[in-house]
Amino acid sequence: GVARTFQNIELFGSMSVLENLLVGLQ
């Protein structure tokens, strides 16, 4: 039940916004 963001952005650049969010649900 603990989630975080990062000081330096840690997104998957080649993936779409929706795909990045789906990673967060894995």
mmCIF file of all heavy atoms, coordinates in Angstrom:
data_MODEL
# 
_entry.id   MODEL 
# 
loop_
_atom_site.group_PDB 
_atom_site.id 
_atom_site.type_symbol 
_atom_site.label_atom_id 
_atom_site.label_alt_id 
_atom_site.label_comp_id 
_atom_site.label_asym_id 
_atom_site.label_entity_id 
_atom_site.label_seq_id 
_atom_site.pdbx_PDB_ins_code 
_atom_site.Cartn_x 
_atom_site.Cartn_y 
_atom_site.Cartn_z 
_atom_site.occupancy 
_atom_site.B_iso_or_equiv 
_atom_site.pdbx_formal_charge 
_atom_site.auth_seq_id 
_atom_site.auth_comp_id 
_atom_site.auth_asym_id 
_atom_site.auth_atom_id 
_atom_site.pdbx_PDB_model_num 
ATOM 1   N N   . GLY A 1 1  ? 0.781  -1.229 0.000   1.00 0.00 ? 1  GLY A N   1 
ATOM 2   C CA  . GLY A 1 1  ? 0.000  0.000  0.000   1.00 0.00 ? 1  GLY A CA  1 
ATOM 3   C C   . GLY A 1 1  ? 0.808  1.272  0.000   1.00 0.00 ? 1  GLY A C   1 
ATOM 4   O O   . GLY A 1 1  ? 0.282  2.340  0.325   1.00 0.00 ? 1  GLY A O   1 
ATOM 5   N N   . VAL A 1 2  ? 2.097  1.180  -0.377  1.00 0.00 ? 2  VAL A N   1 
ATOM 6   C CA  . VAL A 1 2  ? 2.976  2.347  -0.409  1.00 0.00 ? 2  VAL A CA  1 
ATOM 7   C C   . VAL A 1 2  ? 3.465  2.544  -1.843  1.00 0.00 ? 2  VAL A C   1 
ATOM 8   O O   . VAL A 1 2  ? 4.029  1.625  -2.440  1.00 0.00 ? 2  VAL A O   1 
ATOM 9   C CB  . VAL A 1 2  ? 4.193  2.172  0.526   1.00 0.00 ? 2  VAL A CB  1 
ATOM 10  C CG1 . VAL A 1 2  ? 5.085  3.415  0.482   1.00 0.00 ? 2  VAL A CG1 1 
ATOM 11  C CG2 . VAL A 1 2  ? 3.741  1.895  1.951   1.00 0.00 ? 2  VAL A CG2 1 
ATOM 12  N N   . ALA A 1 3  ? 3.262  3.732  -2.397  1.00 0.00 ? 3  ALA A N   1 
ATOM 13  C CA  . ALA A 1 3  ? 3.746  4.051  -3.745  1.00 0.00 ? 3  ALA A CA  1 
ATOM 14  C C   . ALA A 1 3  ? 4.524  5.347  -3.685  1.00 0.00 ? 3  ALA A C   1 
ATOM 15  O O   . ALA A 1 3  ? 4.318  6.172  -2.794  1.00 0.00 ? 3  ALA A O   1 
ATOM 16  C CB  . ALA A 1 3  ? 2.583  4.172  -4.728  1.00 0.00 ? 3  ALA A CB  1 
ATOM 17  N N   . ARG A 1 4  ? 5.409  5.564  -4.669  1.00 0.00 ? 4  ARG A N   1 
ATOM 18  C CA  . ARG A 1 4  ? 6.251  6.765  -4.642  1.00 0.00 ? 4  ARG A CA  1 
ATOM 19  C C   . ARG A 1 4  ? 6.496  7.313  -6.040  1.00 0.00 ? 4  ARG A C   1 
ATOM 20  O O   . ARG A 1 4  ? 6.360  6.594  -7.039  1.00 0.00 ? 4  ARG A O   1 
ATOM 21  C CB  . ARG A 1 4  ? 7.601  6.481  -3.976  1.00 0.00 ? 4  ARG A CB  1 
ATOM 22  C CG  . ARG A 1 4  ? 8.550  5.657  -4.820  1.00 0.00 ? 4  ARG A CG  1 
ATOM 23  C CD  . ARG A 1 4  ? 9.929  5.516  -4.173  1.00 0.00 ? 4  ARG A CD  1 
ATOM 24  N NE  . ARG A 1 4  ? 10.677 6.763  -4.205  1.00 0.00 ? 4  ARG A NE  1 
ATOM 25  C CZ  . ARG A 1 4  ? 11.936 6.885  -3.780  1.00 0.00 ? 4  ARG A CZ  1 
ATOM 26  N NH1 . ARG A 1 4  ? 12.567 5.841  -3.273  1.00 0.00 ? 4  ARG A NH1 1 
ATOM 27  N NH2 . ARG A 1 4  ? 12.552 8.045  -3.837  1.00 0.00 ? 4  ARG A NH2 1 
ATOM 28  N N   . THR A 1 5  ? 6.836  8.585  -6.068  1.00 0.00 ? 5  THR A N   1 
ATOM 29  C CA  . THR A 1 5  ? 7.414  9.195  -7.255  1.00 0.00 ? 5  THR A CA  1 
ATOM 30  C C   . THR A 1 5  ? 8.893  9.420  -6.971  1.00 0.00 ? 5  THR A C   1 
ATOM 31  O O   . THR A 1 5  ? 9.360  9.252  -5.837  1.00 0.00 ? 5  THR A O   1 
ATOM 32  C CB  . THR A 1 5  ? 6.736  10.532 -7.595  1.00 0.00 ? 5  THR A CB  1 
ATOM 33  O OG1 . THR A 1 5  ? 6.979  11.469 -6.529  1.00 0.00 ? 5  THR A OG1 1 
ATOM 34  C CG2 . THR A 1 5  ? 5.243  10.353 -7.793  1.00 0.00 ? 5  THR A CG2 1 
ATOM 35  N N   . PHE A 1 6  ? 9.628  9.838  -8.012  1.00 0.00 ? 6  PHE A N   1 
ATOM 36  C CA  . PHE A 1 6  ? 11.074 9.985  -7.875  1.00 0.00 ? 6  PHE A CA  1 
ATOM 37  C C   . PHE A 1 6  ? 11.502 11.412 -8.197  1.00 0.00 ? 6  PHE A C   1 
ATOM 38  O O   . PHE A 1 6  ? 10.878 12.106 -8.996  1.00 0.00 ? 6  PHE A O   1 
ATOM 39  C CB  . PHE A 1 6  ? 11.803 9.010  -8.796  1.00 0.00 ? 6  PHE A CB  1 
ATOM 40  C CG  . PHE A 1 6  ? 11.623 7.566  -8.412  1.00 0.00 ? 6  PHE A CG  1 
ATOM 41  C CD1 . PHE A 1 6  ? 10.515 6.850  -8.852  1.00 0.00 ? 6  PHE A CD1 1 
ATOM 42  C CD2 . PHE A 1 6  ? 12.542 6.938  -7.595  1.00 0.00 ? 6  PHE A CD2 1 
ATOM 43  C CE1 . PHE A 1 6  ? 10.328 5.531  -8.491  1.00 0.00 ? 6  PHE A CE1 1 
ATOM 44  C CE2 . PHE A 1 6  ? 12.369 5.610  -7.227  1.00 0.00 ? 6  PHE A CE2 1 
ATOM 45  C CZ  . PHE A 1 6  ? 11.264 4.907  -7.670  1.00 0.00 ? 6  PHE A CZ  1 
ATOM 46  N N   . GLN A 1 7  ? 12.594 11.819 -7.544  1.00 0.00 ? 7  GLN A N   1 
ATOM 47  C CA  . GLN A 1 7  ? 13.151 13.149 -7.791  1.00 0.00 ? 7  GLN A CA  1 
ATOM 48  C C   . GLN A 1 7  ? 13.543 13.301 -9.257  1.00 0.00 ? 7  GLN A C   1 
ATOM 49  O O   . GLN A 1 7  ? 13.287 14.322 -9.885  1.00 0.00 ? 7  GLN A O   1 
ATOM 50  C CB  . GLN A 1 7  ? 14.361 13.370 -6.881  1.00 0.00 ? 7  GLN A CB  1 
ATOM 51  C CG  . GLN A 1 7  ? 14.978 14.750 -6.986  1.00 0.00 ? 7  GLN A CG  1 
ATOM 52  C CD  . GLN A 1 7  ? 16.085 14.943 -5.967  1.00 0.00 ? 7  GLN A CD  1 
ATOM 53  O OE1 . GLN A 1 7  ? 16.217 14.169 -5.011  1.00 0.00 ? 7  GLN A OE1 1 
ATOM 54  N NE2 . GLN A 1 7  ? 16.884 15.967 -6.149  1.00 0.00 ? 7  GLN A NE2 1 
ATOM 55  N N   . ASN A 1 8  ? 14.184 12.268 -9.806  1.00 0.00 ? 8  ASN A N   1 
ATOM 56  C CA  . ASN A 1 8  ? 14.497 12.216 -11.225 1.00 0.00 ? 8  ASN A CA  1 
ATOM 57  C C   . ASN A 1 8  ? 13.468 11.312 -11.898 1.00 0.00 ? 8  ASN A C   1 
ATOM 58  O O   . ASN A 1 8  ? 13.282 10.166 -11.492 1.00 0.00 ? 8  ASN A O   1 
ATOM 59  C CB  . ASN A 1 8  ? 15.911 11.673 -11.452 1.00 0.00 ? 8  ASN A CB  1 
ATOM 60  C CG  . ASN A 1 8  ? 16.966 12.550 -10.815 1.00 0.00 ? 8  ASN A CG  1 
ATOM 61  O OD1 . ASN A 1 8  ? 16.938 13.767 -10.961 1.00 0.00 ? 8  ASN A OD1 1 
ATOM 62  N ND2 . ASN A 1 8  ? 17.892 11.940 -10.082 1.00 0.00 ? 8  ASN A ND2 1 
ATOM 63  N N   . ILE A 1 9  ? 12.807 11.840 -12.910 1.00 0.00 ? 9  ILE A N   1 
ATOM 64  C CA  . ILE A 1 9  ? 11.696 11.116 -13.544 1.00 0.00 ? 9  ILE A CA  1 
ATOM 65  C C   . ILE A 1 9  ? 12.144 9.750  -14.043 1.00 0.00 ? 9  ILE A C   1 
ATOM 66  O O   . ILE A 1 9  ? 13.164 9.627  -14.712 1.00 0.00 ? 9  ILE A O   1 
ATOM 67  C CB  . ILE A 1 9  ? 11.113 11.954 -14.693 1.00 0.00 ? 9  ILE A CB  1 
ATOM 68  C CG1 . ILE A 1 9  ? 10.494 13.240 -14.135 1.00 0.00 ? 9  ILE A CG1 1 
ATOM 69  C CG2 . ILE A 1 9  ? 10.058 11.169 -15.457 1.00 0.00 ? 9  ILE A CG2 1 
ATOM 70  C CD1 . ILE A 1 9  ? 10.040 14.208 -15.190 1.00 0.00 ? 9  ILE A CD1 1 
ATOM 71  N N   . GLU A 1 10 ? 11.355 8.722  -13.699 1.00 0.00 ? 10 GLU A N   1 
ATOM 72  C CA  . GLU A 1 10 ? 11.700 7.340  -14.042 1.00 0.00 ? 10 GLU A CA  1 
ATOM 73  C C   . GLU A 1 10 ? 10.601 6.717  -14.898 1.00 0.00 ? 10 GLU A C   1 
ATOM 74  O O   . GLU A 1 10 ? 9.975  5.732  -14.515 1.00 0.00 ? 10 GLU A O   1 
ATOM 75  C CB  . GLU A 1 10 ? 11.910 6.519  -12.762 1.00 0.00 ? 10 GLU A CB  1 
ATOM 76  C CG  . GLU A 1 10 ? 13.002 7.019  -11.839 1.00 0.00 ? 10 GLU A CG  1 
ATOM 77  C CD  . GLU A 1 10 ? 14.395 6.709  -12.353 1.00 0.00 ? 10 GLU A CD  1 
ATOM 78  O OE1 . GLU A 1 10 ? 14.509 5.911  -13.308 1.00 0.00 ? 10 GLU A OE1 1 
ATOM 79  O OE2 . GLU A 1 10 ? 15.372 7.256  -11.806 1.00 0.00 ? 10 GLU A OE2 1 
ATOM 80  N N   . LEU A 1 11 ? 10.350 7.305  -16.062 1.00 0.00 ? 11 LEU A N   1 
ATOM 81  C CA  . LEU A 1 11 ? 9.348  6.762  -16.980 1.00 0.00 ? 11 LEU A CA  1 
ATOM 82  C C   . LEU A 1 11 ? 10.009 5.939  -18.080 1.00 0.00 ? 11 LEU A C   1 
ATOM 83  O O   . LEU A 1 11 ? 11.205 6.096  -18.349 1.00 0.00 ? 11 LEU A O   1 
ATOM 84  C CB  . LEU A 1 11 ? 8.540  7.900  -17.618 1.00 0.00 ? 11 LEU A CB  1 
ATOM 85  C CG  . LEU A 1 11 ? 7.712  8.776  -16.679 1.00 0.00 ? 11 LEU A CG  1 
ATOM 86  C CD1 . LEU A 1 11 ? 7.076  9.915  -17.458 1.00 0.00 ? 11 LEU A CD1 1 
ATOM 87  C CD2 . LEU A 1 11 ? 6.643  7.952  -15.963 1.00 0.00 ? 11 LEU A CD2 1 
ATOM 88  N N   . PHE A 1 12 ? 9.223  5.077  -18.713 1.00 0.00 ? 12 PHE A N   1 
ATOM 89  C CA  . PHE A 1 12 ? 9.696  4.335  -19.879 1.00 0.00 ? 12 PHE A CA  1 
ATOM 90  C C   . PHE A 1 12 ? 9.399  5.191  -21.108 1.00 0.00 ? 12 PHE A C   1 
ATOM 91  O O   . PHE A 1 12 ? 8.252  5.278  -21.556 1.00 0.00 ? 12 PHE A O   1 
ATOM 92  C CB  . PHE A 1 12 ? 9.006  2.974  -19.966 1.00 0.00 ? 12 PHE A CB  1 
ATOM 93  C CG  . PHE A 1 12 ? 9.306  2.074  -18.803 1.00 0.00 ? 12 PHE A CG  1 
ATOM 94  C CD1 . PHE A 1 12 ? 8.413  1.968  -17.746 1.00 0.00 ? 12 PHE A CD1 1 
ATOM 95  C CD2 . PHE A 1 12 ? 10.488 1.343  -18.760 1.00 0.00 ? 12 PHE A CD2 1 
ATOM 96  C CE1 . PHE A 1 12 ? 8.686  1.146  -16.666 1.00 0.00 ? 12 PHE A CE1 1 
ATOM 97  C CE2 . PHE A 1 12 ? 10.774 0.519  -17.688 1.00 0.00 ? 12 PHE A CE2 1 
ATOM 98  C CZ  . PHE A 1 12 ? 9.871  0.419  -16.632 1.00 0.00 ? 12 PHE A CZ  1 
ATOM 99  N N   . GLY A 1 13 ? 10.437 5.817  -21.646 1.00 0.00 ? 13 GLY A N   1 
ATOM 100 C CA  . GLY A 1 13 ? 10.260 6.825  -22.680 1.00 0.00 ? 13 GLY A CA  1 
ATOM 101 C C   . GLY A 1 13 ? 9.605  6.339  -23.954 1.00 0.00 ? 13 GLY A C   1 
ATOM 102 O O   . GLY A 1 13 ? 8.837  7.069  -24.588 1.00 0.00 ? 13 GLY A O   1 
ATOM 103 N N   . SER A 1 14 ? 9.886  5.090  -24.361 1.00 0.00 ? 14 SER A N   1 
ATOM 104 C CA  . SER A 1 14 ? 9.343  4.576  -25.615 1.00 0.00 ? 14 SER A CA  1 
ATOM 105 C C   . SER A 1 14 ? 7.908  4.066  -25.467 1.00 0.00 ? 14 SER A C   1 
ATOM 106 O O   . SER A 1 14 ? 7.242  3.779  -26.455 1.00 0.00 ? 14 SER A O   1 
ATOM 107 C CB  . SER A 1 14 ? 10.231 3.450  -26.153 1.00 0.00 ? 14 SER A CB  1 
ATOM 108 O OG  . SER A 1 14 ? 10.257 2.363  -25.243 1.00 0.00 ? 14 SER A OG  1 
ATOM 109 N N   . MET A 1 15 ? 7.434  3.957  -24.231 1.00 0.00 ? 15 MET A N   1 
ATOM 110 C CA  . MET A 1 15 ? 6.081  3.463  -23.982 1.00 0.00 ? 15 MET A CA  1 
ATOM 111 C C   . MET A 1 15 ? 5.115  4.628  -23.882 1.00 0.00 ? 15 MET A C   1 
ATOM 112 O O   . MET A 1 15 ? 5.487  5.742  -23.505 1.00 0.00 ? 15 MET A O   1 
ATOM 113 C CB  . MET A 1 15 ? 6.048  2.630  -22.695 1.00 0.00 ? 15 MET A CB  1 
ATOM 114 C CG  . MET A 1 15 ? 6.887  1.362  -22.769 1.00 0.00 ? 15 MET A CG  1 
ATOM 115 S SD  . MET A 1 15 ? 7.074  0.528  -21.168 1.00 0.00 ? 15 MET A SD  1 
ATOM 116 C CE  . MET A 1 15 ? 5.386  0.116  -20.784 1.00 0.00 ? 15 MET A CE  1 
ATOM 117 N N   . SER A 1 16 ? 3.869  4.377  -24.224 1.00 0.00 ? 16 SER A N   1 
ATOM 118 C CA  . SER A 1 16 ? 2.845  5.420  -24.138 1.00 0.00 ? 16 SER A CA  1 
ATOM 119 C C   . SER A 1 16 ? 2.544  5.728  -22.672 1.00 0.00 ? 16 SER A C   1 
ATOM 120 O O   . SER A 1 16 ? 2.919  4.982  -21.756 1.00 0.00 ? 16 SER A O   1 
ATOM 121 C CB  . SER A 1 16 ? 1.572  4.971  -24.844 1.00 0.00 ? 16 SER A CB  1 
ATOM 122 O OG  . SER A 1 16 ? 0.922  3.951  -24.092 1.00 0.00 ? 16 SER A OG  1 
ATOM 123 N N   . VAL A 1 17 ? 1.829  6.817  -22.470 1.00 0.00 ? 17 VAL A N   1 
ATOM 124 C CA  . VAL A 1 17 ? 1.420  7.188  -21.117 1.00 0.00 ? 17 VAL A CA  1 
ATOM 125 C C   . VAL A 1 17 ? 0.584  6.073  -20.495 1.00 0.00 ? 17 VAL A C   1 
ATOM 126 O O   . VAL A 1 17 ? 0.808  5.669  -19.353 1.00 0.00 ? 17 VAL A O   1 
ATOM 127 C CB  . VAL A 1 17 ? 0.635  8.511  -21.151 1.00 0.00 ? 17 VAL A CB  1 
ATOM 128 C CG1 . VAL A 1 17 ? -0.043 8.785  -19.808 1.00 0.00 ? 17 VAL A CG1 1 
ATOM 129 C CG2 . VAL A 1 17 ? 1.564  9.663  -21.523 1.00 0.00 ? 17 VAL A CG2 1 
ATOM 130 N N   . LEU A 1 18 ? -0.383 5.545  -21.246 1.00 0.00 ? 18 LEU A N   1 
ATOM 131 C CA  . LEU A 1 18 ? -1.218 4.469  -20.725 1.00 0.00 ? 18 LEU A CA  1 
ATOM 132 C C   . LEU A 1 18 ? -0.387 3.249  -20.368 1.00 0.00 ? 18 LEU A C   1 
ATOM 133 O O   . LEU A 1 18 ? -0.595 2.629  -19.306 1.00 0.00 ? 18 LEU A O   1 
ATOM 134 C CB  . LEU A 1 18 ? -2.287 4.095  -21.751 1.00 0.00 ? 18 LEU A CB  1 
ATOM 135 C CG  . LEU A 1 18 ? -3.192 2.920  -21.378 1.00 0.00 ? 18 LEU A CG  1 
ATOM 136 C CD1 . LEU A 1 18 ? -3.970 3.205  -20.097 1.00 0.00 ? 18 LEU A CD1 1 
ATOM 137 C CD2 . LEU A 1 18 ? -4.156 2.591  -22.526 1.00 0.00 ? 18 LEU A CD2 1 
ATOM 138 N N   . GLU A 1 19 ? 0.569  2.892  -21.207 1.00 0.00 ? 19 GLU A N   1 
ATOM 139 C CA  . GLU A 1 19 ? 1.409  1.721  -20.930 1.00 0.00 ? 19 GLU A CA  1 
ATOM 140 C C   . GLU A 1 19 ? 2.253  1.937  -19.674 1.00 0.00 ? 19 GLU A C   1 
ATOM 141 O O   . GLU A 1 19 ? 2.464  1.002  -18.894 1.00 0.00 ? 19 GLU A O   1 
ATOM 142 C CB  . GLU A 1 19 ? 2.300  1.430  -22.138 1.00 0.00 ? 19 GLU A CB  1 
ATOM 143 C CG  . GLU A 1 19 ? 1.536  0.873  -23.331 1.00 0.00 ? 19 GLU A CG  1 
ATOM 144 C CD  . GLU A 1 19 ? 2.351  0.864  -24.607 1.00 0.00 ? 19 GLU A CD  1 
ATOM 145 O OE1 . GLU A 1 19 ? 3.340  1.640  -24.708 1.00 0.00 ? 19 GLU A OE1 1 
ATOM 146 O OE2 . GLU A 1 19 ? 2.017  0.081  -25.506 1.00 0.00 ? 19 GLU A OE2 1 
ATOM 147 N N   . ASN A 1 20 ? 2.740  3.165  -19.468 1.00 0.00 ? 20 ASN A N   1 
ATOM 148 C CA  . ASN A 1 20 ? 3.481  3.454  -18.243 1.00 0.00 ? 20 ASN A CA  1 
ATOM 149 C C   . ASN A 1 20 ? 2.610  3.250  -17.012 1.00 0.00 ? 20 ASN A C   1 
ATOM 150 O O   . ASN A 1 20 ? 3.069  2.726  -15.992 1.00 0.00 ? 20 ASN A O   1 
ATOM 151 C CB  . ASN A 1 20 ? 4.016  4.889  -18.272 1.00 0.00 ? 20 ASN A CB  1 
ATOM 152 C CG  . ASN A 1 20 ? 5.407  4.991  -18.866 1.00 0.00 ? 20 ASN A CG  1 
ATOM 153 O OD1 . ASN A 1 20 ? 6.403  4.758  -18.194 1.00 0.00 ? 20 ASN A OD1 1 
ATOM 154 N ND2 . ASN A 1 20 ? 5.461  5.334  -20.153 1.00 0.00 ? 20 ASN A ND2 1 
ATOM 155 N N   . LEU A 1 21 ? 1.338  3.648  -17.105 1.00 0.00 ? 21 LEU A N   1 
ATOM 156 C CA  . LEU A 1 21 ? 0.442  3.457  -15.968 1.00 0.00 ? 21 LEU A CA  1 
ATOM 157 C C   . LEU A 1 21 ? 0.142  1.984  -15.725 1.00 0.00 ? 21 LEU A C   1 
ATOM 158 O O   . LEU A 1 21 ? 0.065  1.532  -14.574 1.00 0.00 ? 21 LEU A O   1 
ATOM 159 C CB  . LEU A 1 21 ? -0.862 4.228  -16.195 1.00 0.00 ? 21 LEU A CB  1 
ATOM 160 C CG  . LEU A 1 21 ? -0.931 5.641  -15.613 1.00 0.00 ? 21 LEU A CG  1 
ATOM 161 C CD1 . LEU A 1 21 ? 0.144  6.531  -16.220 1.00 0.00 ? 21 LEU A CD1 1 
ATOM 162 C CD2 . LEU A 1 21 ? -2.307 6.241  -15.782 1.00 0.00 ? 21 LEU A CD2 1 
ATOM 163 N N   . LEU A 1 22 ? -0.012 1.222  -16.804 1.00 0.00 ? 22 LEU A N   1 
ATOM 164 C CA  . LEU A 1 22 ? -0.282 -0.209 -16.651 1.00 0.00 ? 22 LEU A CA  1 
ATOM 165 C C   . LEU A 1 22 ? 0.875  -0.925 -15.962 1.00 0.00 ? 22 LEU A C   1 
ATOM 166 O O   . LEU A 1 22 ? 0.659  -1.880 -15.202 1.00 0.00 ? 22 LEU A O   1 
ATOM 167 C CB  . LEU A 1 22 ? -0.570 -0.837 -18.016 1.00 0.00 ? 22 LEU A CB  1 
ATOM 168 C CG  . LEU A 1 22 ? -1.919 -0.457 -18.646 1.00 0.00 ? 22 LEU A CG  1 
ATOM 169 C CD1 . LEU A 1 22 ? -1.986 -0.915 -20.099 1.00 0.00 ? 22 LEU A CD1 1 
ATOM 170 C CD2 . LEU A 1 22 ? -3.073 -1.053 -17.847 1.00 0.00 ? 22 LEU A CD2 1 
ATOM 171 N N   . VAL A 1 23 ? 2.101  -0.447 -16.191 1.00 0.00 ? 23 VAL A N   1 
ATOM 172 C CA  . VAL A 1 23 ? 3.258  -1.003 -15.482 1.00 0.00 ? 23 VAL A CA  1 
ATOM 173 C C   . VAL A 1 23 ? 3.079  -0.833 -13.979 1.00 0.00 ? 23 VAL A C   1 
ATOM 174 O O   . VAL A 1 23 ? 3.422  -1.712 -13.185 1.00 0.00 ? 23 VAL A O   1 
ATOM 175 C CB  . VAL A 1 23 ? 4.562  -0.329 -15.961 1.00 0.00 ? 23 VAL A CB  1 
ATOM 176 C CG1 . VAL A 1 23 ? 5.730  -0.703 -15.044 1.00 0.00 ? 23 VAL A CG1 1 
ATOM 177 C CG2 . VAL A 1 23 ? 4.880  -0.745 -17.387 1.00 0.00 ? 23 VAL A CG2 1 
ATOM 178 N N   . GLY A 1 24 ? 2.527  0.317  -13.586 1.00 0.00 ? 24 GLY A N   1 
ATOM 179 C CA  . GLY A 1 24 ? 2.314  0.565  -12.169 1.00 0.00 ? 24 GLY A CA  1 
ATOM 180 C C   . GLY A 1 24 ? 1.314  -0.355 -11.510 1.00 0.00 ? 24 GLY A C   1 
ATOM 181 O O   . GLY A 1 24 ? 1.224  -0.413 -10.281 1.00 0.00 ? 24 GLY A O   1 
ATOM 182 N N   . LEU A 1 25 ? 0.550  -1.097 -12.307 1.00 0.00 ? 25 LEU A N   1 
ATOM 183 C CA  . LEU A 1 25 ? -0.451 -2.020 -11.770 1.00 0.00 ? 25 LEU A CA  1 
ATOM 184 C C   . LEU A 1 25 ? 0.000  -3.476 -11.776 1.00 0.00 ? 25 LEU A C   1 
ATOM 185 O O   . LEU A 1 25 ? -0.727 -4.345 -11.308 1.00 0.00 ? 25 LEU A O   1 
ATOM 186 C CB  . LEU A 1 25 ? -1.751 -1.893 -12.570 1.00 0.00 ? 25 LEU A CB  1 
ATOM 187 C CG  . LEU A 1 25 ? -2.671 -0.736 -12.185 1.00 0.00 ? 25 LEU A CG  1 
ATOM 188 C CD1 . LEU A 1 25 ? -3.795 -0.601 -13.204 1.00 0.00 ? 25 LEU A CD1 1 
ATOM 189 C CD2 . LEU A 1 25 ? -3.248 -0.936 -10.797 1.00 0.00 ? 25 LEU A CD2 1 
ATOM 190 N N   . GLN A 1 26 ? 1.173  -3.746 -12.320 1.00 0.00 ? 26 GLN A N   1 
ATOM 191 C CA  . GLN A 1 26 ? 1.594  -5.137 -12.478 1.00 0.00 ? 26 GLN A CA  1 
ATOM 192 C C   . GLN A 1 26 ? 1.635  -5.904 -11.168 1.00 0.00 ? 26 GLN A C   1 
ATOM 193 O O   . GLN A 1 26 ? 1.260  -7.076 -11.098 1.00 0.00 ? 26 GLN A O   1 
ATOM 194 C CB  . GLN A 1 26 ? 2.972  -5.187 -13.148 1.00 0.00 ? 26 GLN A CB  1 
ATOM 195 C CG  . GLN A 1 26 ? 2.961  -4.819 -14.616 1.00 0.00 ? 26 GLN A CG  1 
ATOM 196 C CD  . GLN A 1 26 ? 2.043  -5.705 -15.438 1.00 0.00 ? 26 GLN A CD  1 
ATOM 197 O OE1 . GLN A 1 26 ? 2.135  -6.918 -15.386 1.00 0.00 ? 26 GLN A OE1 1 
ATOM 198 N NE2 . GLN A 1 26 ? 1.136  -5.081 -16.181 1.00 0.00 ? 26 GLN A NE2 1 
# 
